[in-house]
Amino acid sequence: MAEYLGWAATAVFVSSYFMSRPETMRGVQVVGALIWMMYGAAIGATPVIVANVLVCAAAAWTMLKVRAKPTGG
């Protein structure tokens, strides 16, 4: 089961780089990071969990920051 989570996380995260909109890319990266965290928990790898908590937080923060930015006009 853990191996499947690892492969799924890899596929999701790599696919994020093929998204045309930055917001979509970050959203997919959040999902990928969440799957990586599940993988880390399944194999008992704290560094994998912590690294992906940071990736998830950074992607979510930049996504929210972009949404909150007022549009010029």
Protein backbone atom coordinates (compact mmCIF):
# COMPACT_ATOMS: atom_id res chain seq x y z
CA MET A 1 0.00 0.00 0.00
CA ALA A 2 2.74 2.48 0.94
CA GLU A 3 4.51 1.96 -2.37
CA TYR A 4 1.32 2.83 -4.26
CA LEU A 5 1.00 6.05 -2.24
CA GLY A 6 4.58 6.95 -3.17
CA TRP A 7 3.97 6.36 -6.86
CA ALA A 8 0.68 8.26 -6.76
CA ALA A 9 2.35 11.20 -5.02
CA THR A 10 5.10 11.19 -7.61
CA ALA A 11 2.61 11.17 -10.49
CA VAL A 12 0.48 13.95 -8.99
CA PHE A 13 3.44 16.17 -8.16
CA VAL A 14 5.10 15.75 -11.56
CA SER A 15 1.80 16.39 -13.33
CA SER A 16 1.58 19.76 -11.57
CA TYR A 17 4.37 21.06 -13.79
CA PHE A 18 2.20 20.52 -16.86
CA MET A 19 -0.56 22.82 -15.63
CA SER A 20 -0.93 26.02 -17.65
CA ARG A 21 -2.21 28.18 -14.78
CA PRO A 22 0.02 28.80 -11.75
CA GLU A 23 -2.98 28.55 -9.38
CA THR A 24 -3.82 25.12 -10.76
CA MET A 25 -0.20 24.02 -10.47
CA ARG A 26 -0.10 25.05 -6.80
CA GLY A 27 -3.40 23.32 -6.09
CA VAL A 28 -2.12 20.09 -7.60
CA GLN A 29 1.11 20.48 -5.61
CA VAL A 30 -0.94 20.77 -2.41
CA VAL A 31 -2.69 17.50 -3.27
CA GLY A 32 0.65 15.86 -4.11
CA ALA A 33 2.17 17.03 -0.84
CA LEU A 34 -0.80 15.65 1.10
CA ILE A 35 -0.31 12.26 -0.56
CA TRP A 36 3.43 12.44 0.22
CA MET A 37 2.54 13.10 3.87
CA MET A 38 0.34 9.98 3.91
CA TYR A 39 3.21 8.04 2.34
CA GLY A 40 5.63 9.37 4.95
CA ALA A 41 3.25 8.37 7.73
CA ALA A 42 2.79 4.91 6.21
CA ILE A 43 6.53 4.23 6.16
CA GLY A 44 7.30 6.11 9.38
CA ALA A 45 9.51 8.73 7.71
CA THR A 46 9.28 11.96 9.68
CA PRO A 47 11.56 13.89 7.25
CA VAL A 48 9.19 13.08 4.36
CA ILE A 49 6.24 14.29 6.41
CA VAL A 50 7.93 17.51 7.54
CA ALA A 51 9.27 18.34 4.07
CA ASN A 52 5.83 17.97 2.56
CA VAL A 53 4.11 19.93 5.32
CA LEU A 54 6.43 22.77 4.27
CA VAL A 55 5.74 22.24 0.55
CA CYS A 56 2.00 22.11 1.19
CA ALA A 57 2.11 25.25 3.32
CA ALA A 58 4.21 27.16 0.78
CA ALA A 59 1.96 26.17 -2.13
CA ALA A 60 -1.21 27.00 -0.20
CA TRP A 61 0.20 30.31 1.06
CA THR A 62 1.23 31.46 -2.42
CA MET A 63 -2.12 30.34 -3.80
CA LEU A 64 -3.99 32.38 -1.18
CA LYS A 65 -1.61 35.33 -1.56
CA VAL A 66 -2.29 35.49 -5.30
CA ARG A 67 -6.06 35.28 -4.75
CA ALA A 68 -5.97 38.10 -2.19
CA LYS A 69 -3.95 40.41 -4.44
CA PRO A 70 -6.14 43.31 -5.65
CA THR A 71 -6.44 43.61 -9.40
CA GLY A 72 -5.15 46.76 -11.02
CA GLY A 73 -7.28 48.71 -13.34
